[in-house]
């Protein structure tokens, strides 16, 4: 495939959703869509954490405990950043003492 054509196709795929966002800027999203958007941060968090759970050799139990603590914190308090801090803090603490 021609490199220029490839670059133009990539630009089109990149900028078309942005232009659609500008076209919808004055619209009010439906309640369903607003509920849908509430789940994006936790979904991205899970997508980043789950593939990294196995980690290095021997770290799986520590990582599972830290991930469980982070999940419970997020579930209980509804704060993603607090969950991340809890999970990372517990992970480094457990890693330090084991």
PDB file of N, CA and C in Angstrom:
ATOM      1  N   UNK A   1       0.840  -1.178   0.000  1.00  0.00           N
ATOM      2  CA  UNK A   1       0.000   0.000   0.000  1.00  0.00           C
ATOM      3  C   UNK A   1       0.884   1.241   0.000  1.00  0.00           C
ATOM      4  N   UNK A   2       0.445   2.243  -0.663  1.00  0.00           N
ATOM      5  CA  UNK A   2       1.164   3.501  -0.775  1.00  0.00           C
ATOM      6  C   UNK A   2       1.269   4.166   0.605  1.00  0.00           C
ATOM      7  N   UNK A   3       2.476   4.606   1.012  1.00  0.00           N
ATOM      8  CA  UNK A   3       2.622   5.224   2.336  1.00  0.00           C
ATOM      9  C   UNK A   3       1.780   6.494   2.504  1.00  0.00           C
ATOM     10  N   UNK A   4       1.654   7.279   1.469  1.00  0.00           N
ATOM     11  CA  UNK A   4       0.852   8.511   1.561  1.00  0.00           C
ATOM     12  C   UNK A   4      -0.610   8.161   1.808  1.00  0.00           C
ATOM     13  N   UNK A   5      -1.096   7.153   1.105  1.00  0.00           N
ATOM     14  CA  UNK A   5      -2.480   6.718   1.282  1.00  0.00           C
ATOM     15  C   UNK A   5      -2.703   6.189   2.701  1.00  0.00           C
ATOM     16  N   UNK A   6      -1.723   5.473   3.215  1.00  0.00           N
ATOM     17  CA  UNK A   6      -1.809   4.952   4.585  1.00  0.00           C
ATOM     18  C   UNK A   6      -1.866   6.096   5.596  1.00  0.00           C
ATOM     19  N   UNK A   7      -1.027   7.097   5.422  1.00  0.00           N
ATOM     20  CA  UNK A   7      -1.003   8.240   6.339  1.00  0.00           C
ATOM     21  C   UNK A   7      -2.326   8.993   6.274  1.00  0.00           C
ATOM     22  N   UNK A   8      -2.853   9.190   5.076  1.00  0.00           N
ATOM     23  CA  UNK A   8      -4.134   9.882   4.930  1.00  0.00           C
ATOM     24  C   UNK A   8      -5.276   9.092   5.576  1.00  0.00           C
ATOM     25  N   UNK A   9      -5.257   7.771   5.413  1.00  0.00           N
ATOM     26  CA  UNK A   9      -6.285   6.935   6.036  1.00  0.00           C
ATOM     27  C   UNK A   9      -6.188   7.007   7.560  1.00  0.00           C
ATOM     28  N   UNK A  10      -4.970   6.989   8.087  1.00  0.00           N
ATOM     29  CA  UNK A  10      -4.792   7.089   9.535  1.00  0.00           C
ATOM     30  C   UNK A  10      -5.258   8.451  10.048  1.00  0.00           C
ATOM     31  N   UNK A  11      -5.001   9.512   9.300  1.00  0.00           N
ATOM     32  CA  UNK A  11      -5.451  10.845   9.697  1.00  0.00           C
ATOM     33  C   UNK A  11      -6.973  10.905   9.700  1.00  0.00           C
ATOM     34  N   UNK A  12      -7.596  10.307   8.705  1.00  0.00           N
ATOM     35  CA  UNK A  12      -9.053  10.291   8.629  1.00  0.00           C
ATOM     36  C   UNK A  12      -9.653   9.545   9.820  1.00  0.00           C
ATOM     37  N   UNK A  13      -9.082   8.387  10.137  1.00  0.00           N
ATOM     38  CA  UNK A  13      -9.582   7.585  11.267  1.00  0.00           C
ATOM     39  C   UNK A  13      -9.350   8.313  12.587  1.00  0.00           C
ATOM     40  N   UNK A  14      -8.292   9.087  12.681  1.00  0.00           N
ATOM     41  CA  UNK A  14      -7.995   9.818  13.910  1.00  0.00           C
ATOM     42  C   UNK A  14      -8.896  11.037  14.086  1.00  0.00           C
ATOM     43  N   UNK A  15      -9.091  11.798  13.024  1.00  0.00           N
ATOM     44  CA  UNK A  15      -9.780  13.077  13.161  1.00  0.00           C
ATOM     45  C   UNK A  15     -11.286  13.012  12.960  1.00  0.00           C
ATOM     46  N   UNK A  16     -11.805  11.968  12.338  1.00  0.00           N
ATOM     47  CA  UNK A  16     -13.249  11.869  12.165  1.00  0.00           C
ATOM     48  C   UNK A  16     -13.996  11.807  13.493  1.00  0.00           C
ATOM     49  N   UNK A  17     -13.565  10.981  14.462  1.00  0.00           N
ATOM     50  CA  UNK A  17     -14.256  10.991  15.765  1.00  0.00           C
ATOM     51  C   UNK A  17     -14.156  12.343  16.476  1.00  0.00           C
ATOM     52  N   UNK A  18     -13.047  13.032  16.301  1.00  0.00           N
ATOM     53  CA  UNK A  18     -12.912  14.351  16.920  1.00  0.00           C
ATOM     54  C   UNK A  18     -13.894  15.340  16.305  1.00  0.00           C
ATOM     55  N   UNK A  19     -14.016  15.305  14.993  1.00  0.00           N
ATOM     56  CA  UNK A  19     -14.965  16.195  14.325  1.00  0.00           C
ATOM     57  C   UNK A  19     -16.393  15.866  14.732  1.00  0.00           C
ATOM     58  N   UNK A  20     -16.686  14.583  14.903  1.00  0.00           N
ATOM     59  CA  UNK A  20     -18.022  14.184  15.359  1.00  0.00           C
ATOM     60  C   UNK A  20     -18.271  14.722  16.769  1.00  0.00           C
ATOM     61  N   UNK A  21     -17.253  14.740  17.604  1.00  0.00           N
ATOM     62  CA  UNK A  21     -17.393  15.296  18.948  1.00  0.00           C
ATOM     63  C   UNK A  21     -17.688  16.777  18.915  1.00  0.00           C
ATOM     64  N   UNK A  22     -17.037  17.504  18.016  1.00  0.00           N
ATOM     65  CA  UNK A  22     -17.328  18.931  17.877  1.00  0.00           C
ATOM     66  C   UNK A  22     -18.740  19.160  17.372  1.00  0.00           C
ATOM     67  N   UNK A  23     -19.211  18.307  16.485  1.00  0.00           N
ATOM     68  CA  UNK A  23     -20.560  18.453  15.944  1.00  0.00           C
ATOM     69  C   UNK A  23     -21.614  18.205  17.027  1.00  0.00           C
ATOM     70  N   UNK A  24     -21.293  17.345  18.004  1.00  0.00           N
ATOM     71  CA  UNK A  24     -22.246  17.022  19.067  1.00  0.00           C
ATOM     72  C   UNK A  24     -22.045  17.879  20.316  1.00  0.00           C
ATOM     73  N   UNK A  25     -21.197  18.886  20.246  1.00  0.00           N
ATOM     74  CA  UNK A  25     -20.831  19.666  21.435  1.00  0.00           C
ATOM     75  C   UNK A  25     -22.024  20.345  22.096  1.00  0.00           C
ATOM     76  N   UNK A  26     -23.009  20.772  21.348  1.00  0.00           N
ATOM     77  CA  UNK A  26     -24.136  21.472  21.938  1.00  0.00           C
ATOM     78  C   UNK A  26     -25.250  20.555  22.409  1.00  0.00           C
ATOM     79  N   UNK A  27     -25.124  19.272  22.189  1.00  0.00           N
ATOM     80  CA  UNK A  27     -26.168  18.304  22.537  1.00  0.00           C
ATOM     81  C   UNK A  27     -26.021  17.850  23.987  1.00  0.00           C
ATOM     82  N   UNK A  28     -27.130  17.513  24.602  1.00  0.00           N
ATOM     83  CA  UNK A  28     -27.136  16.943  25.956  1.00  0.00           C
ATOM     84  C   UNK A  28     -27.203  15.421  25.831  1.00  0.00           C
ATOM     85  N   UNK A  29     -26.239  14.695  26.417  1.00  0.00           N
ATOM     86  CA  UNK A  29     -26.274  13.227  26.323  1.00  0.00           C
ATOM     87  C   UNK A  29     -27.488  12.646  27.050  1.00  0.00           C
ATOM     88  N   UNK A  30     -27.932  11.515  26.574  1.00  0.00           N
ATOM     89  CA  UNK A  30     -29.070  10.848  27.201  1.00  0.00           C
ATOM     90  C   UNK A  30     -28.657  10.288  28.566  1.00  0.00           C
ATOM     91  N   UNK A  31     -29.613  10.043  29.454  1.00  0.00           N
ATOM     92  CA  UNK A  31     -29.278   9.462  30.765  1.00  0.00           C
ATOM     93  C   UNK A  31     -28.563   8.105  30.645  1.00  0.00           C
ATOM     94  N   UNK A  32     -28.964   7.310  29.651  1.00  0.00           N
ATOM     95  CA  UNK A  32     -28.293   6.024  29.444  1.00  0.00           C
ATOM     96  C   UNK A  32     -26.818   6.235  29.136  1.00  0.00           C
ATOM     97  N   UNK A  33     -26.515   7.181  28.246  1.00  0.00           N
ATOM     98  CA  UNK A  33     -25.132   7.439  27.866  1.00  0.00           C
ATOM     99  C   UNK A  33     -24.336   7.997  29.044  1.00  0.00           C
ATOM    100  N   UNK A  34     -24.965   8.835  29.870  1.00  0.00           N
ATOM    101  CA  UNK A  34     -24.275   9.351  31.050  1.00  0.00           C
ATOM    102  C   UNK A  34     -23.954   8.238  32.037  1.00  0.00           C
ATOM    103  N   UNK A  35     -24.874   7.286  32.222  1.00  0.00           N
ATOM    104  CA  UNK A  35     -24.595   6.121  33.085  1.00  0.00           C
ATOM    105  C   UNK A  35     -23.460   5.292  32.490  1.00  0.00           C
ATOM    106  N   UNK A  36     -23.471   5.140  31.171  1.00  0.00           N
ATOM    107  CA  UNK A  36     -22.425   4.392  30.471  1.00  0.00           C
ATOM    108  C   UNK A  36     -21.057   5.037  30.707  1.00  0.00           C
ATOM    109  N   UNK A  37     -20.985   6.355  30.630  1.00  0.00           N
ATOM    110  CA  UNK A  37     -19.714   7.057  30.797  1.00  0.00           C
ATOM    111  C   UNK A  37     -19.162   6.943  32.212  1.00  0.00           C
ATOM    112  N   UNK A  38     -20.008   6.720  33.201  1.00  0.00           N
ATOM    113  CA  UNK A  38     -19.543   6.573  34.578  1.00  0.00           C
ATOM    114  C   UNK A  38     -18.655   5.347  34.760  1.00  0.00           C
ATOM    115  N   UNK A  39     -18.800   4.345  33.896  1.00  0.00           N
ATOM    116  CA  UNK A  39     -18.043   3.111  34.057  1.00  0.00           C
ATOM    117  C   UNK A  39     -16.703   3.126  33.326  1.00  0.00           C
ATOM    118  N   UNK A  40     -16.419   4.152  32.571  1.00  0.00           N
ATOM    119  CA  UNK A  40     -15.175   4.180  31.793  1.00  0.00           C
ATOM    120  C   UNK A  40     -13.929   4.198  32.674  1.00  0.00           C
ATOM    121  N   UNK A  41     -13.835   5.028  33.723  1.00  0.00           N
ATOM    122  CA  UNK A  41     -12.599   5.020  34.529  1.00  0.00           C
ATOM    123  C   UNK A  41     -12.294   3.655  35.152  1.00  0.00           C
ATOM    124  N   UNK A  42     -13.287   2.992  35.713  1.00  0.00           N
ATOM    125  CA  UNK A  42     -13.014   1.700  36.346  1.00  0.00           C
ATOM    126  C   UNK A  42     -12.699   0.628  35.312  1.00  0.00           C
ATOM    127  N   UNK A  43     -13.275   0.749  34.126  1.00  0.00           N
ATOM    128  CA  UNK A  43     -12.977  -0.204  33.063  1.00  0.00           C
ATOM    129  C   UNK A  43     -11.538  -0.042  32.586  1.00  0.00           C
ATOM    130  N   UNK A  44     -11.101   1.179  32.414  1.00  0.00           N
ATOM    131  CA  UNK A  44      -9.717   1.431  32.001  1.00  0.00           C
ATOM    132  C   UNK A  44      -8.763   0.964  33.091  1.00  0.00           C
ATOM    133  N   UNK A  45      -9.111   1.208  34.344  1.00  0.00           N
ATOM    134  CA  UNK A  45      -8.284   0.754  35.466  1.00  0.00           C
ATOM    135  C   UNK A  45      -8.126  -0.765  35.433  1.00  0.00           C
ATOM    136  N   UNK A  46      -9.222  -1.471  35.249  1.00  0.00           N
ATOM    137  CA  UNK A  46      -9.166  -2.936  35.190  1.00  0.00           C
ATOM    138  C   UNK A  46      -8.360  -3.409  33.988  1.00  0.00           C
ATOM    139  N   UNK A  47      -8.514  -2.749  32.862  1.00  0.00           N
ATOM    140  CA  UNK A  47      -7.770  -3.139  31.664  1.00  0.00           C
ATOM    141  C   UNK A  47      -6.270  -2.939  31.845  1.00  0.00           C
ATOM    142  N   UNK A  48      -5.877  -1.999  32.659  1.00  0.00           N
ATOM    143  CA  UNK A  48      -4.455  -1.783  32.914  1.00  0.00           C
ATOM    144  C   UNK A  48      -3.904  -2.728  33.980  1.00  0.00           C
ATOM    145  N   UNK A  49      -4.722  -3.076  34.964  1.00  0.00           N
ATOM    146  CA  UNK A  49      -4.240  -3.866  36.092  1.00  0.00           C
ATOM    147  C   UNK A  49      -4.219  -5.365  35.795  1.00  0.00           C
ATOM    148  N   UNK A  50      -5.261  -5.897  35.214  1.00  0.00           N
ATOM    149  CA  UNK A  50      -5.401  -7.348  35.066  1.00  0.00           C
ATOM    150  C   UNK A  50      -4.248  -7.979  34.278  1.00  0.00           C
ATOM    151  N   UNK A  51      -3.803  -7.432  33.149  1.00  0.00           N
ATOM    152  CA  UNK A  51      -2.678  -8.076  32.456  1.00  0.00           C
ATOM    153  C   UNK A  51      -1.376  -8.052  33.260  1.00  0.00           C
ATOM    154  N   UNK A  52      -1.235  -7.127  34.193  1.00  0.00           N
ATOM    155  CA  UNK A  52      -0.006  -7.015  34.971  1.00  0.00           C
ATOM    156  C   UNK A  52      -0.031  -7.844  36.255  1.00  0.00           C
ATOM    157  N   UNK A  53      -1.134  -8.520  36.548  1.00  0.00           N
ATOM    158  CA  UNK A  53      -1.233  -9.258  37.814  1.00  0.00           C
ATOM    159  C   UNK A  53      -0.168 -10.338  37.989  1.00  0.00           C
ATOM    160  N   UNK A  54       0.145 -11.156  37.003  1.00  0.00           N
ATOM    161  CA  UNK A  54       1.159 -12.189  37.258  1.00  0.00           C
ATOM    162  C   UNK A  54       2.508 -11.618  37.673  1.00  0.00           C
ATOM    163  N   UNK A  55       2.950 -10.534  37.062  1.00  0.00           N
ATOM    164  CA  UNK A  55       4.192  -9.874  37.456  1.00  0.00           C
ATOM    165  C   UNK A  55       5.403 -10.765  37.357  1.00  0.00           C
ATOM    166  N   UNK A  56       6.382 -10.495  38.191  1.00  0.00           N
ATOM    167  CA  UNK A  56       7.607 -11.289  38.224  1.00  0.00           C
ATOM    168  C   UNK A  56       7.364 -12.580  38.999  1.00  0.00           C
ATOM    169  N   UNK A  57       8.322 -13.473  38.942  1.00  0.00           N
ATOM    170  CA  UNK A  57       8.198 -14.760  39.623  1.00  0.00           C
ATOM    171  C   UNK A  57       8.012 -14.558  41.125  1.00  0.00           C
ATOM    172  N   UNK A  58       6.979 -15.177  41.668  1.00  0.00           N
ATOM    173  CA  UNK A  58       6.737 -15.124  43.101  1.00  0.00           C
ATOM    174  C   UNK A  58       5.941 -13.922  43.578  1.00  0.00           C
ATOM    175  N   UNK A  59       5.561 -13.016  42.678  1.00  0.00           N
ATOM    176  CA  UNK A  59       4.829 -11.821  43.087  1.00  0.00           C
ATOM    177  C   UNK A  59       3.320 -11.970  42.984  1.00  0.00           C
ATOM    178  N   UNK A  60       2.838 -13.058  42.438  1.00  0.00           N
ATOM    179  CA  UNK A  60       1.397 -13.194  42.215  1.00  0.00           C
ATOM    180  C   UNK A  60       0.585 -13.060  43.499  1.00  0.00           C
ATOM    181  N   UNK A  61       0.929 -13.733  44.595  1.00  0.00           N
ATOM    182  CA  UNK A  61       0.116 -13.571  45.810  1.00  0.00           C
ATOM    183  C   UNK A  61       0.096 -12.132  46.330  1.00  0.00           C
ATOM    184  N   UNK A  62       1.237 -11.463  46.281  1.00  0.00           N
ATOM    185  CA  UNK A  62       1.308 -10.074  46.741  1.00  0.00           C
ATOM    186  C   UNK A  62       0.445  -9.187  45.854  1.00  0.00           C
ATOM    187  N   UNK A  63       0.535  -9.387  44.561  1.00  0.00           N
ATOM    188  CA  UNK A  63      -0.241  -8.574  43.627  1.00  0.00           C
ATOM    189  C   UNK A  63      -1.744  -8.830  43.771  1.00  0.00           C
ATOM    190  N   UNK A  64      -2.118 -10.081  44.026  1.00  0.00           N
ATOM    191  CA  UNK A  64      -3.542 -10.382  44.206  1.00  0.00           C
ATOM    192  C   UNK A  64      -4.101  -9.720  45.470  1.00  0.00           C
ATOM    193  N   UNK A  65      -3.335  -9.741  46.545  1.00  0.00           N
ATOM    194  CA  UNK A  65      -3.775  -9.097  47.785  1.00  0.00           C
ATOM    195  C   UNK A  65      -3.910  -7.584  47.572  1.00  0.00           C
ATOM    196  N   UNK A  66      -2.927  -6.986  46.906  1.00  0.00           N
ATOM    197  CA  UNK A  66      -2.980  -5.543  46.648  1.00  0.00           C
ATOM    198  C   UNK A  66      -4.140  -5.192  45.722  1.00  0.00           C
ATOM    199  N   UNK A  67      -4.381  -6.010  44.702  1.00  0.00           N
ATOM    200  CA  UNK A  67      -5.491  -5.751  43.781  1.00  0.00           C
ATOM    201  C   UNK A  67      -6.832  -5.898  44.492  1.00  0.00           C
ATOM    202  N   UNK A  68      -6.932  -6.885  45.385  1.00  0.00           N
ATOM    203  CA  UNK A  68      -8.173  -7.063  46.142  1.00  0.00           C
ATOM    204  C   UNK A  68      -8.413  -5.876  47.073  1.00  0.00           C
ATOM    205  N   UNK A  69      -7.355  -5.396  47.720  1.00  0.00           N
ATOM    206  CA  UNK A  69      -7.491  -4.236  48.603  1.00  0.00           C
ATOM    207  C   UNK A  69      -7.896  -2.998  47.811  1.00  0.00           C
ATOM    208  N   UNK A  70      -7.298  -2.816  46.647  1.00  0.00           N
ATOM    209  CA  UNK A  70      -7.653  -1.671  45.800  1.00  0.00           C
ATOM    210  C   UNK A  70      -9.101  -1.780  45.337  1.00  0.00           C
ATOM    211  N   UNK A  71      -9.516  -2.973  44.951  1.00  0.00           N
ATOM    212  CA  UNK A  71     -10.899  -3.175  44.494  1.00  0.00           C
ATOM    213  C   UNK A  71     -11.892  -2.895  45.600  1.00  0.00           C
ATOM    214  N   UNK A  72     -11.607  -3.384  46.798  1.00  0.00           N
ATOM    215  CA  UNK A  72     -12.508  -3.133  47.929  1.00  0.00           C
ATOM    216  C   UNK A  72     -12.571  -1.644  48.285  1.00  0.00           C
ATOM    217  N   UNK A  73     -11.433  -0.979  48.199  1.00  0.00           N
ATOM    218  CA  UNK A  73     -11.416   0.456  48.492  1.00  0.00           C
ATOM    219  C   UNK A  73     -12.249   1.224  47.480  1.00  0.00           C
ATOM    220  N   UNK A  74     -12.083   0.893  46.212  1.00  0.00           N
ATOM    221  CA  UNK A  74     -12.861   1.568  45.170  1.00  0.00           C
ATOM    222  C   UNK A  74     -14.341   1.274  45.345  1.00  0.00           C
ATOM    223  N   UNK A  75     -14.664   0.041  45.641  1.00  0.00           N
ATOM    224  CA  UNK A  75     -16.078  -0.339  45.825  1.00  0.00           C
ATOM    225  C   UNK A  75     -16.688   0.378  47.028  1.00  0.00           C
ATOM    226  N   UNK A  76     -15.943   0.441  48.130  1.00  0.00           N
ATOM    227  CA  UNK A  76     -16.479   1.019  49.369  1.00  0.00           C
ATOM    228  C   UNK A  76     -16.593   2.536  49.307  1.00  0.00           C
ATOM    229  N   UNK A  77     -15.555   3.204  48.788  1.00  0.00           N
ATOM    230  CA  UNK A  77     -15.521   4.662  48.824  1.00  0.00           C
ATOM    231  C   UNK A  77     -15.851   5.309  47.486  1.00  0.00           C
ATOM    232  N   UNK A  78     -15.850   4.528  46.406  1.00  0.00           N
ATOM    233  CA  UNK A  78     -16.182   5.078  45.097  1.00  0.00           C
ATOM    234  C   UNK A  78     -15.156   6.065  44.574  1.00  0.00           C
ATOM    235  N   UNK A  79     -13.921   5.930  45.020  1.00  0.00           N
ATOM    236  CA  UNK A  79     -12.862   6.858  44.623  1.00  0.00           C
ATOM    237  C   UNK A  79     -11.734   6.067  43.972  1.00  0.00           C
ATOM    238  N   UNK A  80     -11.553   6.258  42.675  1.00  0.00           N
ATOM    239  CA  UNK A  80     -10.545   5.500  41.933  1.00  0.00           C
ATOM    240  C   UNK A  80      -9.139   5.806  42.423  1.00  0.00           C
ATOM    241  N   UNK A  81      -8.849   7.084  42.652  1.00  0.00           N
ATOM    242  CA  UNK A  81      -7.492   7.435  43.073  1.00  0.00           C
ATOM    243  C   UNK A  81      -7.150   6.875  44.441  1.00  0.00           C
ATOM    244  N   UNK A  82      -8.102   6.846  45.335  1.00  0.00           N
ATOM    245  CA  UNK A  82      -7.865   6.255  46.648  1.00  0.00           C
ATOM    246  C   UNK A  82      -7.582   4.755  46.516  1.00  0.00           C
ATOM    247  N   UNK A  83      -8.289   4.097  45.605  1.00  0.00           N
ATOM    248  CA  UNK A  83      -8.033   2.679  45.359  1.00  0.00           C
ATOM    249  C   UNK A  83      -6.652   2.427  44.788  1.00  0.00           C
ATOM    250  N   UNK A  84      -6.240   3.273  43.859  1.00  0.00           N
ATOM    251  CA  UNK A  84      -4.904   3.124  43.279  1.00  0.00           C
ATOM    252  C   UNK A  84      -3.837   3.326  44.352  1.00  0.00           C
ATOM    253  N   UNK A  85      -4.004   4.354  45.173  1.00  0.00           N
ATOM    254  CA  UNK A  85      -3.032   4.594  46.243  1.00  0.00           C
ATOM    255  C   UNK A  85      -3.002   3.448  47.247  1.00  0.00           C
ATOM    256  N   UNK A  86      -4.170   2.920  47.587  1.00  0.00           N
ATOM    257  CA  UNK A  86      -4.238   1.790  48.519  1.00  0.00           C
ATOM    258  C   UNK A  86      -3.533   0.565  47.941  1.00  0.00           C
ATOM    259  N   UNK A  87      -3.854   0.229  46.706  1.00  0.00           N
ATOM    260  CA  UNK A  87      -3.260  -0.943  46.084  1.00  0.00           C
ATOM    261  C   UNK A  87      -1.757  -0.821  45.924  1.00  0.00           C
ATOM    262  N   UNK A  88      -1.297   0.328  45.448  1.00  0.00           N
ATOM    263  CA  UNK A  88       0.143   0.505  45.257  1.00  0.00           C
ATOM    264  C   UNK A  88       0.877   0.547  46.593  1.00  0.00           C
ATOM    265  N   UNK A  89       0.290   1.239  47.563  1.00  0.00           N
ATOM    266  CA  UNK A  89       0.934   1.295  48.879  1.00  0.00           C
ATOM    267  C   UNK A  89       1.053  -0.079  49.523  1.00  0.00           C
ATOM    268  N   UNK A  90      -0.025  -0.860  49.449  1.00  0.00           N
ATOM    269  CA  UNK A  90       0.007  -2.206  50.018  1.00  0.00           C
ATOM    270  C   UNK A  90       0.967  -3.103  49.249  1.00  0.00           C
ATOM    271  N   UNK A  91       0.991  -2.963  47.936  1.00  0.00           N
ATOM    272  CA  UNK A  91       1.913  -3.763  47.126  1.00  0.00           C
ATOM    273  C   UNK A  91       3.356  -3.493  47.527  1.00  0.00           C
ATOM    274  N   UNK A  92       3.731  -2.224  47.625  1.00  0.00           N
ATOM    275  CA  UNK A  92       5.112  -1.911  47.969  1.00  0.00           C
ATOM    276  C   UNK A  92       5.432  -2.297  49.408  1.00  0.00           C
ATOM    277  N   UNK A  93       4.478  -2.172  50.312  1.00  0.00           N
ATOM    278  CA  UNK A  93       4.696  -2.572  51.693  1.00  0.00           C
ATOM    279  C   UNK A  93       4.906  -4.082  51.795  1.00  0.00           C
ATOM    280  N   UNK A  94       4.027  -4.844  51.146  1.00  0.00           N
ATOM    281  CA  UNK A  94       4.175  -6.310  51.174  1.00  0.00           C
ATOM    282  C   UNK A  94       5.457  -6.761  50.489  1.00  0.00           C
ATOM    283  N   UNK A  95       5.817  -6.069  49.440  1.00  0.00           N
ATOM    284  CA  UNK A  95       7.041  -6.420  48.727  1.00  0.00           C
ATOM    285  C   UNK A  95       8.275  -6.123  49.590  1.00  0.00           C
ATOM    286  N   UNK A  96       8.166  -5.091  50.371  1.00  0.00           N
ATOM    287  CA  UNK A  96       9.278  -4.703  51.233  1.00  0.00           C
ATOM    288  C   UNK A  96       9.468  -5.704  52.384  1.00  0.00           C
ATOM    289  N   UNK A  97       8.353  -6.190  52.956  1.00  0.00           N
ATOM    290  CA  UNK A  97       8.474  -7.069  54.131  1.00  0.00           C
ATOM    291  C   UNK A  97       8.623  -8.548  53.763  1.00  0.00           C
ATOM    292  N   UNK A  98       8.414  -8.916  52.484  1.00  0.00           N
ATOM    293  CA  UNK A  98       8.591 -10.330  52.110  1.00  0.00           C
ATOM    294  C   UNK A  98       9.872 -10.555  51.369  1.00  0.00           C
TER     295      UNK A  98
END
